[in-house]
Amino acid sequence: MSEPLFNPITINSEGSLKLRSVGHWQYWPAGLAVVLLLVLLLAVGFVPRYFAHAQTDSAMGDLPQLRSSLLAEPNSVRGNWLRTLNPSVQDVQGDLVWNAAKQQGVMRFLNLPEPANGTFYQLWVYDSRSETGTPVSGAVFHQGSGIGEWLAPIQTQTPVSEPYKFELKLEVDDNRGAAQILLMVQP
């Protein structure tokens, strides 16, 4: 009769109990398997999410640093958000900065609510040197800031030389309704 591998108690030929020493070395294959499984799960589950977040952050650049450098530039235009009478933005605060020479800008929001389903935010920039007089899109985003501070980049497809007004509008998907002006900056 064969003896079980992990039974620490045996009966000898005289009928007395004998305790066998069970070393921890017997469990190392199982322990190694558990450790390798945990490493694999961490690598598959967490690492891709970490790198995806890092790529998103690096693609947008360091917005706090960009904002600080633009605010330090003497030829940057800046202003605080002016609220409209729309009750959904009564608690919103923040500002923006734009530098025409660098064609870069940053918006800062506090307490910007999440847009309702089927709507999104769009920043429109008005340029006094524009030949058409139509505003230029500076940003489109589908999120709010929550109760914390949130920075968003301003990037235009058309150069803006002398902005005289920035409007943040709540737009409706598929142009099914009229856009609402929520916030404005007039530098």
N, C-alpha and C. Protein backbone atom coordinates (compact mmCIF):
# COMPACT_ATOMS: atom_id res chain seq x y z
N MET A 1 0.85 -1.17 0.00
CA MET A 1 0.00 0.00 0.00
C MET A 1 0.90 1.24 0.00
N SER A 2 0.56 2.14 -0.87
CA SER A 2 1.40 3.33 -0.97
C SER A 2 0.96 4.37 0.05
N GLU A 3 1.91 5.14 0.45
CA GLU A 3 1.71 6.16 1.46
C GLU A 3 1.34 7.48 0.78
N PRO A 4 0.30 8.20 1.29
CA PRO A 4 -0.02 9.50 0.68
C PRO A 4 1.16 10.46 0.84
N LEU A 5 1.30 11.35 -0.15
CA LEU A 5 2.42 12.27 -0.16
C LEU A 5 2.38 13.30 0.97
N PHE A 6 1.23 13.81 1.26
CA PHE A 6 1.15 14.94 2.20
C PHE A 6 0.54 14.56 3.54
N ASN A 7 0.55 13.28 3.92
CA ASN A 7 0.00 12.85 5.19
C ASN A 7 1.11 12.90 6.25
N PRO A 8 1.03 13.81 7.21
CA PRO A 8 2.10 13.94 8.20
C PRO A 8 2.05 12.86 9.29
N ILE A 9 0.97 12.08 9.38
CA ILE A 9 0.84 11.06 10.42
C ILE A 9 0.85 9.68 9.74
N THR A 10 1.73 8.82 10.22
CA THR A 10 1.79 7.44 9.71
C THR A 10 1.78 6.47 10.88
N ILE A 11 1.45 5.24 10.63
CA ILE A 11 1.48 4.17 11.63
C ILE A 11 2.61 3.24 11.25
N ASN A 12 3.55 3.02 12.19
CA ASN A 12 4.69 2.16 11.89
C ASN A 12 4.31 0.68 12.09
N SER A 13 5.27 -0.20 11.88
CA SER A 13 5.01 -1.64 11.94
C SER A 13 4.62 -2.12 13.34
N GLU A 14 5.02 -1.39 14.40
CA GLU A 14 4.64 -1.78 15.75
C GLU A 14 3.26 -1.27 16.14
N GLY A 15 2.61 -0.50 15.28
CA GLY A 15 1.27 0.02 15.55
C GLY A 15 1.26 1.36 16.25
N SER A 16 2.39 1.98 16.42
CA SER A 16 2.40 3.29 17.07
C SER A 16 2.38 4.39 16.01
N LEU A 17 1.91 5.54 16.43
CA LEU A 17 1.83 6.69 15.53
C LEU A 17 3.20 7.33 15.38
N LYS A 18 3.48 7.67 14.17
CA LYS A 18 4.74 8.35 13.89
C LYS A 18 4.43 9.65 13.14
N LEU A 19 4.92 10.76 13.67
CA LEU A 19 4.74 12.05 12.98
C LEU A 19 5.88 12.25 12.01
N ARG A 20 5.51 12.50 10.78
CA ARG A 20 6.52 12.74 9.77
C ARG A 20 6.65 14.24 9.56
N SER A 21 7.86 14.69 9.43
CA SER A 21 8.11 16.10 9.21
C SER A 21 7.71 16.45 7.78
N VAL A 22 6.84 17.44 7.67
CA VAL A 22 6.42 17.90 6.34
C VAL A 22 7.13 19.23 6.10
N GLY A 23 8.06 19.25 5.19
CA GLY A 23 8.79 20.47 4.89
C GLY A 23 8.00 21.36 3.93
N HIS A 24 8.28 22.61 4.00
CA HIS A 24 7.60 23.57 3.12
C HIS A 24 8.02 23.40 1.68
N TRP A 25 9.13 22.71 1.46
CA TRP A 25 9.61 22.54 0.10
C TRP A 25 8.63 21.75 -0.75
N GLN A 26 7.75 20.97 -0.12
CA GLN A 26 6.79 20.18 -0.88
C GLN A 26 5.74 21.06 -1.55
N TYR A 27 5.54 22.25 -1.04
CA TYR A 27 4.49 23.12 -1.57
C TYR A 27 5.01 24.14 -2.59
N TRP A 28 6.29 24.17 -2.88
CA TRP A 28 6.83 25.20 -3.75
C TRP A 28 6.25 25.17 -5.16
N PRO A 29 5.94 24.01 -5.78
CA PRO A 29 5.34 24.07 -7.12
C PRO A 29 4.00 24.79 -7.12
N ALA A 30 3.17 24.53 -6.12
CA ALA A 30 1.87 25.20 -6.04
C ALA A 30 2.05 26.70 -5.78
N GLY A 31 2.97 27.05 -4.90
CA GLY A 31 3.24 28.46 -4.62
C GLY A 31 3.76 29.19 -5.83
N LEU A 32 4.66 28.54 -6.56
CA LEU A 32 5.19 29.15 -7.78
C LEU A 32 4.08 29.35 -8.81
N ALA A 33 3.19 28.39 -8.93
CA ALA A 33 2.08 28.51 -9.88
C ALA A 33 1.17 29.69 -9.51
N VAL A 34 0.90 29.87 -8.22
CA VAL A 34 0.06 30.99 -7.78
C VAL A 34 0.74 32.32 -8.07
N VAL A 35 2.02 32.41 -7.78
CA VAL A 35 2.75 33.66 -8.03
C VAL A 35 2.78 33.98 -9.52
N LEU A 36 3.04 32.98 -10.37
CA LEU A 36 3.06 33.21 -11.82
C LEU A 36 1.68 33.61 -12.33
N LEU A 37 0.64 33.01 -11.79
CA LEU A 37 -0.72 33.38 -12.20
C LEU A 37 -1.02 34.83 -11.81
N LEU A 38 -0.63 35.24 -10.61
CA LEU A 38 -0.85 36.64 -10.19
C LEU A 38 -0.07 37.61 -11.07
N VAL A 39 1.16 37.27 -11.39
CA VAL A 39 1.97 38.14 -12.26
C VAL A 39 1.32 38.25 -13.63
N LEU A 40 0.82 37.15 -14.16
CA LEU A 40 0.16 37.16 -15.47
C LEU A 40 -1.10 38.01 -15.43
N LEU A 41 -1.90 37.84 -14.39
CA LEU A 41 -3.13 38.64 -14.28
C LEU A 41 -2.82 40.13 -14.15
N LEU A 42 -1.82 40.46 -13.38
CA LEU A 42 -1.44 41.87 -13.25
C LEU A 42 -0.97 42.44 -14.58
N ALA A 43 -0.17 41.66 -15.29
CA ALA A 43 0.36 42.14 -16.57
C ALA A 43 -0.75 42.31 -17.58
N VAL A 44 -1.68 41.40 -17.64
CA VAL A 44 -2.76 41.46 -18.62
C VAL A 44 -3.81 42.49 -18.24
N GLY A 45 -4.11 42.59 -16.94
CA GLY A 45 -5.19 43.46 -16.51
C GLY A 45 -4.81 44.89 -16.24
N PHE A 46 -3.71 45.12 -15.56
CA PHE A 46 -3.39 46.46 -15.11
C PHE A 46 -2.40 47.20 -15.99
N VAL A 47 -1.44 46.53 -16.52
CA VAL A 47 -0.41 47.21 -17.30
C VAL A 47 -0.98 47.89 -18.55
N PRO A 48 -1.83 47.20 -19.35
CA PRO A 48 -2.37 47.91 -20.51
C PRO A 48 -3.19 49.13 -20.13
N ARG A 49 -3.96 49.05 -19.04
CA ARG A 49 -4.73 50.23 -18.62
C ARG A 49 -3.82 51.36 -18.18
N TYR A 50 -2.74 51.03 -17.49
CA TYR A 50 -1.80 52.05 -17.04
C TYR A 50 -1.17 52.74 -18.23
N PHE A 51 -0.70 51.96 -19.21
CA PHE A 51 -0.04 52.58 -20.36
C PHE A 51 -1.03 53.33 -21.24
N ALA A 52 -2.27 52.88 -21.34
CA ALA A 52 -3.26 53.61 -22.12
C ALA A 52 -3.50 54.98 -21.50
N HIS A 53 -3.58 55.03 -20.14
CA HIS A 53 -3.78 56.31 -19.46
C HIS A 53 -2.56 57.21 -19.66
N ALA A 54 -1.37 56.63 -19.58
CA ALA A 54 -0.15 57.42 -19.76
C ALA A 54 -0.06 57.97 -21.18
N GLN A 55 -0.49 57.18 -22.17
CA GLN A 55 -0.44 57.67 -23.54
C GLN A 55 -1.44 58.80 -23.74
N THR A 56 -2.62 58.70 -23.14
CA THR A 56 -3.59 59.77 -23.24
C THR A 56 -3.04 61.05 -22.64
N ASP A 57 -2.42 60.93 -21.44
CA ASP A 57 -1.86 62.12 -20.81
C ASP A 57 -0.74 62.72 -21.63
N SER A 58 0.13 61.89 -22.20
CA SER A 58 1.24 62.44 -22.97
C SER A 58 0.77 63.00 -24.30
N ALA A 59 -0.31 62.44 -24.86
CA ALA A 59 -0.83 62.98 -26.12
C ALA A 59 -1.37 64.39 -25.91
N MET A 60 -2.00 64.64 -24.76
CA MET A 60 -2.53 65.96 -24.47
C MET A 60 -1.44 66.90 -23.98
N GLY A 61 -0.33 66.37 -23.58
CA GLY A 61 0.73 67.21 -23.05
C GLY A 61 0.48 67.51 -21.59
N ASP A 62 1.35 68.26 -21.02
CA ASP A 62 1.22 68.63 -19.62
C ASP A 62 0.44 69.94 -19.55
N LEU A 63 -0.87 69.85 -19.45
CA LEU A 63 -1.71 71.04 -19.49
C LEU A 63 -1.46 72.03 -18.35
N PRO A 64 -1.23 71.59 -17.12
CA PRO A 64 -0.93 72.60 -16.09
C PRO A 64 0.33 73.39 -16.41
N GLN A 65 1.34 72.72 -16.92
CA GLN A 65 2.59 73.41 -17.26
C GLN A 65 2.37 74.33 -18.46
N LEU A 66 1.62 73.86 -19.47
CA LEU A 66 1.32 74.70 -20.63
C LEU A 66 0.54 75.93 -20.20
N ARG A 67 -0.44 75.73 -19.33
CA ARG A 67 -1.24 76.87 -18.85
C ARG A 67 -0.36 77.89 -18.14
N SER A 68 0.53 77.42 -17.28
CA SER A 68 1.43 78.33 -16.56
C SER A 68 2.33 79.10 -17.52
N SER A 69 2.86 78.41 -18.51
CA SER A 69 3.76 79.11 -19.45
C SER A 69 2.99 80.11 -20.31
N LEU A 70 1.76 79.78 -20.70
CA LEU A 70 0.96 80.73 -21.49
C LEU A 70 0.56 81.94 -20.64
N LEU A 71 0.25 81.71 -19.36
CA LEU A 71 -0.10 82.84 -18.49
C LEU A 71 1.10 83.77 -18.28
N ALA A 72 2.31 83.22 -18.34
CA ALA A 72 3.52 84.03 -18.15
C ALA A 72 3.87 84.84 -19.40
N GLU A 73 3.32 84.48 -20.55
CA GLU A 73 3.61 85.20 -21.80
C GLU A 73 2.85 86.53 -21.80
N PRO A 74 3.54 87.64 -22.07
CA PRO A 74 2.86 88.94 -22.05
C PRO A 74 1.83 89.14 -23.18
N ASN A 75 1.98 88.41 -24.29
CA ASN A 75 1.04 88.61 -25.39
C ASN A 75 -0.12 87.60 -25.39
N SER A 76 -0.26 86.81 -24.32
CA SER A 76 -1.40 85.90 -24.21
C SER A 76 -2.63 86.68 -23.77
N VAL A 77 -3.78 86.26 -24.28
CA VAL A 77 -5.04 86.84 -23.82
C VAL A 77 -5.65 85.87 -22.81
N ARG A 78 -6.29 86.43 -21.82
CA ARG A 78 -6.88 85.59 -20.77
C ARG A 78 -8.14 86.26 -20.27
N GLY A 79 -8.95 85.45 -19.60
CA GLY A 79 -10.17 85.98 -19.00
C GLY A 79 -10.90 84.91 -18.21
N ASN A 80 -11.74 85.36 -17.30
CA ASN A 80 -12.57 84.46 -16.50
C ASN A 80 -13.86 84.18 -17.25
N TRP A 81 -14.42 83.00 -16.99
CA TRP A 81 -15.70 82.66 -17.60
C TRP A 81 -16.80 83.57 -17.07
N LEU A 82 -17.58 84.13 -17.96
CA LEU A 82 -18.77 84.90 -17.61
C LEU A 82 -19.96 83.96 -17.79
N ARG A 83 -20.75 83.80 -16.75
CA ARG A 83 -21.88 82.88 -16.83
C ARG A 83 -23.07 83.56 -17.48
N THR A 84 -23.85 82.76 -18.18
CA THR A 84 -25.12 83.24 -18.71
C THR A 84 -26.18 82.99 -17.64
N LEU A 85 -27.42 83.24 -17.95
CA LEU A 85 -28.50 83.03 -16.99
C LEU A 85 -28.96 81.57 -16.94
N ASN A 86 -28.30 80.70 -17.67
CA ASN A 86 -28.66 79.29 -17.68
C ASN A 86 -28.37 78.70 -16.29
N PRO A 87 -29.39 78.14 -15.62
CA PRO A 87 -29.18 77.64 -14.25
C PRO A 87 -28.22 76.44 -14.17
N SER A 88 -28.01 75.74 -15.25
CA SER A 88 -27.13 74.57 -15.20
C SER A 88 -25.66 74.94 -15.00
N VAL A 89 -25.31 76.21 -15.25
CA VAL A 89 -23.91 76.63 -15.10
C VAL A 89 -23.72 77.70 -14.03
N GLN A 90 -24.68 77.84 -13.14
CA GLN A 90 -24.61 78.91 -12.14
C GLN A 90 -23.43 78.74 -11.19
N ASP A 91 -22.94 77.51 -10.99
CA ASP A 91 -21.82 77.30 -10.07
C ASP A 91 -20.48 77.12 -10.78
N VAL A 92 -20.46 77.23 -12.10
CA VAL A 92 -19.23 77.02 -12.86
C VAL A 92 -18.29 78.20 -12.67
N GLN A 93 -17.02 77.87 -12.48
CA GLN A 93 -15.97 78.88 -12.39
C GLN A 93 -14.83 78.45 -13.29
N GLY A 94 -13.92 79.36 -13.53
CA GLY A 94 -12.75 79.02 -14.31
C GLY A 94 -12.31 80.15 -15.20
N ASP A 95 -11.42 79.83 -16.11
CA ASP A 95 -10.86 80.84 -17.00
C ASP A 95 -10.26 80.16 -18.21
N LEU A 96 -9.70 80.97 -19.08
CA LEU A 96 -8.95 80.43 -20.21
C LEU A 96 -7.83 81.37 -20.56
N VAL A 97 -6.85 80.81 -21.28
CA VAL A 97 -5.72 81.59 -21.77
C VAL A 97 -5.45 81.13 -23.20
N TRP A 98 -5.13 82.10 -24.09
CA TRP A 98 -4.85 81.81 -25.49
C TRP A 98 -3.65 82.63 -25.93
N ASN A 99 -2.76 82.00 -26.65
CA ASN A 99 -1.60 82.69 -27.19
C ASN A 99 -1.64 82.55 -28.71
N ALA A 100 -1.84 83.69 -29.41
CA ALA A 100 -1.97 83.67 -30.87
C ALA A 100 -0.65 83.32 -31.56
N ALA A 101 0.47 83.72 -30.98
CA ALA A 101 1.77 83.41 -31.59
C ALA A 101 2.03 81.90 -31.58
N LYS A 102 1.64 81.25 -30.50
CA LYS A 102 1.85 79.79 -30.39
C LYS A 102 0.65 78.99 -30.88
N GLN A 103 -0.48 79.66 -31.10
CA GLN A 103 -1.73 79.01 -31.49
C GLN A 103 -2.08 77.89 -30.50
N GLN A 104 -1.96 78.20 -29.22
CA GLN A 104 -2.27 77.25 -28.16
C GLN A 104 -3.06 77.95 -27.08
N GLY A 105 -3.89 77.17 -26.41
CA GLY A 105 -4.64 77.70 -25.29
C GLY A 105 -5.09 76.59 -24.36
N VAL A 106 -5.53 76.99 -23.17
CA VAL A 106 -6.00 76.05 -22.16
C VAL A 106 -7.21 76.66 -21.47
N MET A 107 -8.25 75.84 -21.30
CA MET A 107 -9.43 76.22 -20.53
C MET A 107 -9.34 75.55 -19.16
N ARG A 108 -9.83 76.25 -18.14
CA ARG A 108 -9.88 75.69 -16.80
C ARG A 108 -11.32 75.78 -16.31
N PHE A 109 -11.82 74.66 -15.78
CA PHE A 109 -13.20 74.60 -15.29
C PHE A 109 -13.24 74.08 -13.87
N LEU A 110 -14.19 74.59 -13.12
CA LEU A 110 -14.56 74.06 -11.82
C LEU A 110 -16.08 73.93 -11.83
N ASN A 111 -16.60 72.80 -11.41
CA ASN A 111 -18.04 72.56 -11.30
C ASN A 111 -18.78 72.56 -12.63
N LEU A 112 -18.13 72.22 -13.72
CA LEU A 112 -18.82 72.11 -15.00
C LEU A 112 -19.58 70.79 -15.01
N PRO A 113 -20.92 70.82 -15.14
CA PRO A 113 -21.69 69.57 -15.07
C PRO A 113 -21.46 68.70 -16.32
N GLU A 114 -21.70 67.40 -16.15
CA GLU A 114 -21.63 66.48 -17.28
C GLU A 114 -22.73 66.87 -18.27
N PRO A 115 -22.46 66.85 -19.57
CA PRO A 115 -23.53 67.14 -20.52
C PRO A 115 -24.54 65.99 -20.56
N ALA A 116 -25.77 66.32 -20.82
CA ALA A 116 -26.82 65.29 -20.91
C ALA A 116 -26.56 64.39 -22.12
N ASN A 117 -27.17 63.21 -22.10
CA ASN A 117 -27.03 62.31 -23.25
C ASN A 117 -27.51 63.02 -24.51
N GLY A 118 -26.77 62.85 -25.59
CA GLY A 118 -27.13 63.46 -26.86
C GLY A 118 -26.62 64.89 -27.01
N THR A 119 -25.83 65.36 -26.04
CA THR A 119 -25.28 66.71 -26.13
C THR A 119 -23.78 66.67 -25.84
N PHE A 120 -23.10 67.75 -26.19
CA PHE A 120 -21.67 67.87 -25.94
C PHE A 120 -21.32 69.35 -25.85
N TYR A 121 -20.14 69.62 -25.30
CA TYR A 121 -19.66 70.99 -25.20
C TYR A 121 -18.77 71.31 -26.39
N GLN A 122 -18.88 72.55 -26.88
CA GLN A 122 -18.00 73.01 -27.95
C GLN A 122 -17.61 74.46 -27.68
N LEU A 123 -16.30 74.72 -27.79
CA LEU A 123 -15.79 76.08 -27.63
C LEU A 123 -15.68 76.72 -29.01
N TRP A 124 -16.24 77.91 -29.13
CA TRP A 124 -16.15 78.68 -30.38
C TRP A 124 -15.31 79.92 -30.12
N VAL A 125 -14.38 80.19 -31.03
CA VAL A 125 -13.47 81.33 -30.91
C VAL A 125 -13.77 82.30 -32.04
N TYR A 126 -13.98 83.56 -31.68
CA TYR A 126 -14.26 84.62 -32.67
C TYR A 126 -12.99 85.44 -32.87
N ASP A 127 -12.61 85.61 -34.13
CA ASP A 127 -11.37 86.31 -34.49
C ASP A 127 -11.72 87.60 -35.22
N SER A 128 -11.22 88.74 -34.72
CA SER A 128 -11.52 90.02 -35.38
C SER A 128 -10.86 90.13 -36.75
N ARG A 129 -9.86 89.32 -37.03
CA ARG A 129 -9.19 89.34 -38.34
C ARG A 129 -9.71 88.29 -39.30
N SER A 130 -10.74 87.60 -38.92
CA SER A 130 -11.31 86.56 -39.79
C SER A 130 -11.97 87.21 -41.00
N GLU A 131 -11.74 86.65 -42.18
CA GLU A 131 -12.33 87.19 -43.40
C GLU A 131 -13.81 86.86 -43.50
N THR A 132 -14.22 85.75 -42.93
CA THR A 132 -15.62 85.33 -43.02
C THR A 132 -16.47 85.81 -41.86
N GLY A 133 -15.84 86.08 -40.72
CA GLY A 133 -16.60 86.50 -39.55
C GLY A 133 -17.23 85.34 -38.79
N THR A 134 -17.05 84.12 -39.27
CA THR A 134 -17.62 82.97 -38.58
C THR A 134 -16.65 82.48 -37.50
N PRO A 135 -17.19 81.98 -36.42
CA PRO A 135 -16.30 81.50 -35.35
C PRO A 135 -15.58 80.22 -35.75
N VAL A 136 -14.48 79.95 -35.06
CA VAL A 136 -13.64 78.78 -35.29
C VAL A 136 -13.81 77.85 -34.10
N SER A 137 -13.94 76.56 -34.36
CA SER A 137 -14.05 75.60 -33.26
C SER A 137 -12.70 75.47 -32.56
N GLY A 138 -12.73 75.58 -31.22
CA GLY A 138 -11.51 75.47 -30.45
C GLY A 138 -11.41 74.20 -29.63
N ALA A 139 -12.54 73.54 -29.40
CA ALA A 139 -12.53 72.30 -28.63
C ALA A 139 -13.93 71.69 -28.68
N VAL A 140 -13.96 70.38 -28.61
CA VAL A 140 -15.19 69.62 -28.47
C VAL A 140 -14.93 68.59 -27.38
N PHE A 141 -15.82 68.51 -26.39
CA PHE A 141 -15.64 67.51 -25.35
C PHE A 141 -16.99 67.06 -24.80
N HIS A 142 -16.99 65.84 -24.32
CA HIS A 142 -18.22 65.17 -23.89
C HIS A 142 -18.21 64.89 -22.38
N GLN A 143 -17.48 65.68 -21.62
CA GLN A 143 -17.42 65.46 -20.17
C GLN A 143 -17.43 66.79 -19.46
N GLY A 144 -17.77 66.72 -18.19
CA GLY A 144 -17.70 67.89 -17.33
C GLY A 144 -16.50 67.77 -16.42
N SER A 145 -16.36 68.73 -15.53
CA SER A 145 -15.23 68.71 -14.61
C SER A 145 -15.58 68.07 -13.28
N GLY A 146 -16.86 67.83 -13.04
CA GLY A 146 -17.27 67.40 -11.72
C GLY A 146 -17.05 68.55 -10.76
N ILE A 147 -16.77 68.23 -9.50
CA ILE A 147 -16.56 69.30 -8.52
C ILE A 147 -15.11 69.75 -8.46
N GLY A 148 -14.24 69.04 -9.16
CA GLY A 148 -12.82 69.39 -9.13
C GLY A 148 -12.43 70.29 -10.29
N GLU A 149 -11.16 70.63 -10.31
CA GLU A 149 -10.60 71.44 -11.39
C GLU A 149 -10.28 70.54 -12.57
N TRP A 150 -10.58 71.02 -13.76
CA TRP A 150 -10.31 70.25 -14.97
C TRP A 150 -9.76 71.19 -16.04
N LEU A 151 -8.70 70.78 -16.71
CA LEU A 151 -8.10 71.57 -17.78
C LEU A 151 -8.37 70.89 -19.12
N ALA A 152 -8.61 71.70 -20.13
CA ALA A 152 -8.84 71.19 -21.47
C ALA A 152 -8.07 72.06 -22.46
N PRO A 153 -7.47 71.44 -23.48
CA PRO A 153 -6.71 72.22 -24.45
C PRO A 153 -7.62 72.94 -25.44
N ILE A 154 -7.14 74.05 -25.95
CA ILE A 154 -7.81 74.76 -27.04
C ILE A 154 -6.94 74.55 -28.27
N GLN A 155 -7.52 73.93 -29.29
CA GLN A 155 -6.79 73.67 -30.53
C GLN A 155 -7.71 74.00 -31.70
N THR A 156 -7.28 74.93 -32.53
CA THR A 156 -8.09 75.33 -33.68
C THR A 156 -7.49 74.78 -34.97
N GLN A 157 -8.35 74.51 -35.94
CA GLN A 157 -7.88 74.08 -37.26
C GLN A 157 -7.45 75.26 -38.11
N THR A 158 -8.05 76.43 -37.83
CA THR A 158 -7.74 77.66 -38.54
C THR A 158 -7.01 78.59 -37.58
N PRO A 159 -5.93 79.24 -38.01
CA PRO A 159 -5.23 80.16 -37.10
C PRO A 159 -6.14 81.29 -36.62
N VAL A 160 -5.97 81.64 -35.36
CA VAL A 160 -6.74 82.73 -34.74
C VAL A 160 -5.74 83.79 -34.30
N SER A 161 -5.83 85.00 -34.92
CA SER A 161 -4.86 86.06 -34.65
C SER A 161 -5.26 86.98 -33.52
N GLU A 162 -6.51 87.46 -33.57
CA GLU A 162 -6.99 88.41 -32.56
C GLU A 162 -8.36 87.98 -32.04
N PRO A 163 -8.37 87.06 -31.10
CA PRO A 163 -9.67 86.64 -30.58
C PRO A 163 -10.31 87.74 -29.74
N TYR A 164 -11.59 87.95 -29.98
CA TYR A 164 -12.30 88.95 -29.18
C TYR A 164 -13.41 88.34 -28.35
N LYS A 165 -13.72 87.05 -28.60
CA LYS A 165 -14.76 86.39 -27.81
C LYS A 165 -14.57 84.88 -27.89
N PHE A 166 -14.78 84.21 -26.75
CA PHE A 166 -14.79 82.75 -26.66
C PHE A 166 -16.15 82.36 -26.09
N GLU A 167 -16.85 81.45 -26.74
CA GLU A 167 -18.14 81.00 -26.26
C GLU A 167 -18.11 79.48 -26.06
N LEU A 168 -18.55 79.04 -24.89
CA LEU A 168 -18.73 77.62 -24.65
C LEU A 168 -20.22 77.34 -24.82
N LYS A 169 -20.52 76.48 -25.78
CA LYS A 169 -21.91 76.16 -26.07
C LYS A 169 -22.20 74.70 -25.77
N LEU A 170 -23.44 74.45 -25.41
CA LEU A 170 -23.94 73.10 -25.28
C LEU A 170 -24.60 72.76 -26.61
N GLU A 171 -23.96 71.89 -27.36
CA GLU A 171 -24.43 71.52 -28.70
C GLU A 171 -25.23 70.22 -28.62
N VAL A 172 -26.10 70.03 -29.59
CA VAL A 172 -26.92 68.82 -29.67
C VAL A 172 -26.38 67.94 -30.78
N ASP A 173 -26.24 66.64 -30.47
CA ASP A 173 -25.77 65.70 -31.50
C ASP A 173 -26.65 65.78 -32.73
N ASP A 174 -26.06 65.60 -33.89
CA ASP A 174 -26.76 65.56 -35.18
C ASP A 174 -27.54 66.83 -35.49
N ASN A 175 -27.16 67.95 -34.87
CA ASN A 175 -27.79 69.25 -35.14
C ASN A 175 -29.31 69.19 -35.04
N ARG A 176 -29.82 68.42 -34.08
CA ARG A 176 -31.27 68.27 -33.93
C ARG A 176 -31.90 69.43 -33.17
N GLY A 177 -31.10 70.32 -32.65
CA GLY A 177 -31.65 71.44 -31.90
C GLY A 177 -30.67 72.59 -31.89
N ALA A 178 -31.11 73.69 -31.34
CA ALA A 178 -30.27 74.87 -31.28
C ALA A 178 -29.26 74.74 -30.14
N ALA A 179 -28.07 75.23 -30.38
CA ALA A 179 -27.03 75.24 -29.35
C ALA A 179 -27.33 76.33 -28.32
N GLN A 180 -26.93 76.08 -27.07
CA GLN A 180 -27.13 77.05 -26.00
C GLN A 180 -25.78 77.62 -25.58
N ILE A 181 -25.67 78.94 -25.53
CA ILE A 181 -24.46 79.56 -25.01
C ILE A 181 -24.51 79.44 -23.49
N LEU A 182 -23.46 78.84 -22.92
CA LEU A 182 -23.40 78.63 -21.48
C LEU A 182 -22.44 79.59 -20.79
N LEU A 183 -21.24 79.72 -21.36
CA LEU A 183 -20.18 80.53 -20.77
C LEU A 183 -19.51 81.37 -21.84
N MET A 184 -18.91 82.48 -21.43
CA MET A 184 -18.26 83.36 -22.40
C MET A 184 -17.05 84.03 -21.75
N VAL A 185 -16.03 84.28 -22.58
CA VAL A 185 -14.89 85.09 -22.17
C VAL A 185 -14.70 86.16 -23.23
N GLN A 186 -14.59 87.40 -22.79
CA GLN A 186 -14.26 88.51 -23.70
C GLN A 186 -13.01 89.17 -23.16
N PRO A 187 -11.83 88.79 -23.75
CA PRO A 187 -10.56 89.34 -23.22
C PRO A 187 -10.42 90.83 -23.45
